[in-house]
Amino acid sequence: MQLSVVNASNIKNLLQSGLTDKINDRETFMKGIDYSYYYEQEE
């Protein structure tokens, strides 16, 4: 993170691997909603 002020390419490369190009995919969308409710549940 200290290098991110000068050169953000390392962070961009790390984040790129976690992104998807399936933005219009219904299954991916619904999975995201399911995960958001999972984190809101009380234990």
PDB file of N, CA and C in Angstrom:
ATOM      1  N   MET A   1       0.818  -1.191   0.000  1.00  0.00           N
ATOM      2  CA  MET A   1       0.000   0.000   0.000  1.00  0.00           C
ATOM      3  C   MET A   1       0.862   1.256   0.000  1.00  0.00           C
ATOM      4  N   GLN A   2       2.054   1.165   0.478  1.00  0.00           N
ATOM      5  CA  GLN A   2       2.901   2.344   0.502  1.00  0.00           C
ATOM      6  C   GLN A   2       3.281   2.768  -0.910  1.00  0.00           C
ATOM      7  N   LEU A   3       3.405   1.819  -1.823  1.00  0.00           N
ATOM      8  CA  LEU A   3       3.757   2.140  -3.198  1.00  0.00           C
ATOM      9  C   LEU A   3       2.556   2.621  -4.009  1.00  0.00           C
ATOM     10  N   SER A   4       1.352   2.434  -3.496  1.00  0.00           N
ATOM     11  CA  SER A   4       0.161   2.765  -4.276  1.00  0.00           C
ATOM     12  C   SER A   4       0.055   4.251  -4.574  1.00  0.00           C
ATOM     13  N   VAL A   5       0.641   5.089  -3.764  1.00  0.00           N
ATOM     14  CA  VAL A   5       0.600   6.528  -4.020  1.00  0.00           C
ATOM     15  C   VAL A   5       1.394   6.852  -5.275  1.00  0.00           C
ATOM     16  N   VAL A   6       2.479   6.168  -5.481  1.00  0.00           N
ATOM     17  CA  VAL A   6       3.348   6.426  -6.616  1.00  0.00           C
ATOM     18  C   VAL A   6       2.949   5.603  -7.834  1.00  0.00           C
ATOM     19  N   ASN A   7       2.707   4.324  -7.628  1.00  0.00           N
ATOM     20  CA  ASN A   7       2.445   3.408  -8.731  1.00  0.00           C
ATOM     21  C   ASN A   7       1.334   2.437  -8.329  1.00  0.00           C
ATOM     22  N   ALA A   8       0.163   2.592  -8.931  1.00  0.00           N
ATOM     23  CA  ALA A   8      -0.990   1.770  -8.564  1.00  0.00           C
ATOM     24  C   ALA A   8      -1.117   0.517  -9.420  1.00  0.00           C
ATOM     25  N   SER A   9      -0.168   0.250 -10.291  1.00  0.00           N
ATOM     26  CA  SER A   9      -0.295  -0.894 -11.198  1.00  0.00           C
ATOM     27  C   SER A   9      -0.313  -2.231 -10.455  1.00  0.00           C
ATOM     28  N   ASN A  10       0.441  -2.352  -9.359  1.00  0.00           N
ATOM     29  CA  ASN A  10       0.433  -3.606  -8.592  1.00  0.00           C
ATOM     30  C   ASN A  10      -0.937  -3.875  -7.992  1.00  0.00           C
ATOM     31  N   ILE A  11      -1.560  -2.848  -7.445  1.00  0.00           N
ATOM     32  CA  ILE A  11      -2.884  -3.005  -6.857  1.00  0.00           C
ATOM     33  C   ILE A  11      -3.906  -3.304  -7.942  1.00  0.00           C
ATOM     34  N   LYS A  12      -3.802  -2.640  -9.079  1.00  0.00           N
ATOM     35  CA  LYS A  12      -4.725  -2.892 -10.189  1.00  0.00           C
ATOM     36  C   LYS A  12      -4.633  -4.335 -10.661  1.00  0.00           C
ATOM     37  N   ASN A  13      -3.435  -4.874 -10.733  1.00  0.00           N
ATOM     38  CA  ASN A  13      -3.260  -6.266 -11.150  1.00  0.00           C
ATOM     39  C   ASN A  13      -3.878  -7.237 -10.146  1.00  0.00           C
ATOM     40  N   LEU A  14      -3.744  -6.947  -8.849  1.00  0.00           N
ATOM     41  CA  LEU A  14      -4.345  -7.806  -7.836  1.00  0.00           C
ATOM     42  C   LEU A  14      -5.868  -7.763  -7.905  1.00  0.00           C
ATOM     43  N   LEU A  15      -6.428  -6.581  -8.096  1.00  0.00           N
ATOM     44  CA  LEU A  15      -7.876  -6.446  -8.152  1.00  0.00           C
ATOM     45  C   LEU A  15      -8.462  -7.026  -9.431  1.00  0.00           C
ATOM     46  N   GLN A  16      -7.740  -6.932 -10.515  1.00  0.00           N
ATOM     47  CA  GLN A  16      -8.226  -7.417 -11.811  1.00  0.00           C
ATOM     48  C   GLN A  16      -8.546  -8.914 -11.762  1.00  0.00           C
ATOM     49  N   SER A  17      -7.775  -9.670 -11.006  1.00  0.00           N
ATOM     50  CA  SER A  17      -8.013 -11.109 -10.938  1.00  0.00           C
ATOM     51  C   SER A  17      -9.303 -11.441 -10.193  1.00  0.00           C
ATOM     52  N   GLY A  18      -9.788 -10.539  -9.359  1.00  0.00           N
ATOM     53  CA  GLY A  18     -11.015 -10.779  -8.614  1.00  0.00           C
ATOM     54  C   GLY A  18     -12.261 -10.249  -9.289  1.00  0.00           C
ATOM     55  N   LEU A  19     -12.117  -9.550 -10.394  1.00  0.00           N
ATOM     56  CA  LEU A  19     -13.266  -8.971 -11.089  1.00  0.00           C
ATOM     57  C   LEU A  19     -13.816  -9.941 -12.126  1.00  0.00           C
ATOM     58  N   THR A  20     -15.045  -9.708 -12.526  1.00  0.00           N
ATOM     59  CA  THR A  20     -15.671 -10.552 -13.536  1.00  0.00           C
ATOM     60  C   THR A  20     -16.123  -9.695 -14.714  1.00  0.00           C
ATOM     61  N   ASP A  21     -16.236 -10.321 -15.862  1.00  0.00           N
ATOM     62  CA  ASP A  21     -16.759  -9.608 -17.029  1.00  0.00           C
ATOM     63  C   ASP A  21     -18.190 -10.037 -17.324  1.00  0.00           C
ATOM     64  N   LYS A  22     -18.777 -10.816 -16.418  1.00  0.00           N
ATOM     65  CA  LYS A  22     -20.152 -11.295 -16.586  1.00  0.00           C
ATOM     66  C   LYS A  22     -21.137 -10.330 -15.914  1.00  0.00           C
ATOM     67  N   ILE A  23     -21.164  -9.084 -16.339  1.00  0.00           N
ATOM     68  CA  ILE A  23     -22.008  -8.103 -15.663  1.00  0.00           C
ATOM     69  C   ILE A  23     -23.479  -8.263 -16.004  1.00  0.00           C
ATOM     70  N   ASN A  24     -23.803  -8.918 -17.085  1.00  0.00           N
ATOM     71  CA  ASN A  24     -25.197  -9.122 -17.456  1.00  0.00           C
ATOM     72  C   ASN A  24     -25.679 -10.539 -17.162  1.00  0.00           C
ATOM     73  N   ASP A  25     -24.907 -11.306 -16.420  1.00  0.00           N
ATOM     74  CA  ASP A  25     -25.254 -12.685 -16.102  1.00  0.00           C
ATOM     75  C   ASP A  25     -26.165 -12.714 -14.879  1.00  0.00           C
ATOM     76  N   ARG A  26     -27.365 -13.258 -15.045  1.00  0.00           N
ATOM     77  CA  ARG A  26     -28.350 -13.281 -13.959  1.00  0.00           C
ATOM     78  C   ARG A  26     -27.865 -14.117 -12.780  1.00  0.00           C
ATOM     79  N   GLU A  27     -27.228 -15.232 -13.031  1.00  0.00           N
ATOM     80  CA  GLU A  27     -26.746 -16.096 -11.948  1.00  0.00           C
ATOM     81  C   GLU A  27     -25.719 -15.376 -11.078  1.00  0.00           C
ATOM     82  N   THR A  28     -24.802 -14.654 -11.707  1.00  0.00           N
ATOM     83  CA  THR A  28     -23.797 -13.907 -10.958  1.00  0.00           C
ATOM     84  C   THR A  28     -24.457 -12.813 -10.130  1.00  0.00           C
ATOM     85  N   PHE A  29     -25.443 -12.147 -10.702  1.00  0.00           N
ATOM     86  CA  PHE A  29     -26.166 -11.088 -10.002  1.00  0.00           C
ATOM     87  C   PHE A  29     -26.885 -11.647  -8.776  1.00  0.00           C
ATOM     88  N   MET A  30     -27.586 -12.749  -8.949  1.00  0.00           N
ATOM     89  CA  MET A  30     -28.327 -13.337  -7.839  1.00  0.00           C
ATOM     90  C   MET A  30     -27.383 -13.878  -6.761  1.00  0.00           C
ATOM     91  N   LYS A  31     -26.243 -14.387  -7.159  1.00  0.00           N
ATOM     92  CA  LYS A  31     -25.265 -14.873  -6.188  1.00  0.00           C
ATOM     93  C   LYS A  31     -24.752 -13.717  -5.336  1.00  0.00           C
ATOM     94  N   GLY A  32     -24.549 -12.557  -5.949  1.00  0.00           N
ATOM     95  CA  GLY A  32     -24.120 -11.382  -5.206  1.00  0.00           C
ATOM     96  C   GLY A  32     -25.152 -10.940  -4.184  1.00  0.00           C
ATOM     97  N   ILE A  33     -26.415 -11.010  -4.570  1.00  0.00           N
ATOM     98  CA  ILE A  33     -27.481 -10.658  -3.628  1.00  0.00           C
ATOM     99  C   ILE A  33     -27.530 -11.661  -2.488  1.00  0.00           C
ATOM    100  N   ASP A  34     -27.415 -12.940  -2.801  1.00  0.00           N
ATOM    101  CA  ASP A  34     -27.405 -13.959  -1.747  1.00  0.00           C
ATOM    102  C   ASP A  34     -26.265 -13.731  -0.759  1.00  0.00           C
ATOM    103  N   TYR A  35     -25.088 -13.426  -1.254  1.00  0.00           N
ATOM    104  CA  TYR A  35     -23.946 -13.179  -0.371  1.00  0.00           C
ATOM    105  C   TYR A  35     -24.168 -11.944   0.488  1.00  0.00           C
ATOM    106  N   SER A  36     -24.800 -10.920  -0.062  1.00  0.00           N
ATOM    107  CA  SER A  36     -25.030  -9.711   0.731  1.00  0.00           C
ATOM    108  C   SER A  36     -25.979  -9.997   1.885  1.00  0.00           C
ATOM    109  N   TYR A  37     -26.997 -10.824   1.668  1.00  0.00           N
ATOM    110  CA  TYR A  37     -27.889 -11.203   2.766  1.00  0.00           C
ATOM    111  C   TYR A  37     -27.181 -12.112   3.757  1.00  0.00           C
ATOM    112  N   TYR A  38     -26.281 -12.928   3.291  1.00  0.00           N
ATOM    113  CA  TYR A  38     -25.525 -13.812   4.187  1.00  0.00           C
ATOM    114  C   TYR A  38     -24.732 -13.003   5.205  1.00  0.00           C
ATOM    115  N   TYR A  39     -24.112 -11.914   4.778  1.00  0.00           N
ATOM    116  CA  TYR A  39     -23.315 -11.096   5.693  1.00  0.00           C
ATOM    117  C   TYR A  39     -24.177 -10.288   6.646  1.00  0.00           C
ATOM    118  N   GLU A  40     -25.434 -10.058   6.316  1.00  0.00           N
ATOM    119  CA  GLU A  40     -26.320  -9.274   7.183  1.00  0.00           C
ATOM    120  C   GLU A  40     -26.998 -10.122   8.243  1.00  0.00           C
ATOM    121  N   GLN A  41     -26.936 -11.436   8.136  1.00  0.00           N
ATOM    122  CA  GLN A  41     -27.604 -12.298   9.095  1.00  0.00           C
ATOM    123  C   GLN A  41     -26.893 -12.256  10.441  1.00  0.00           C
ATOM    124  N   GLU A  42     -27.698 -12.320  11.488  1.00  0.00           N
ATOM    125  CA  GLU A  42     -27.125 -12.380  12.827  1.00  0.00           C
ATOM    126  C   GLU A  42     -26.750 -13.820  13.145  1.00  0.00           C
ATOM    127  N   GLU A  43     -25.745 -13.973  13.946  1.00  0.00           N
ATOM    128  CA  GLU A  43     -25.299 -15.325  14.286  1.00  0.00           C
ATOM    129  C   GLU A  43     -25.775 -15.754  15.632  1.00  0.00           C
TER     130      GLU A  43
END
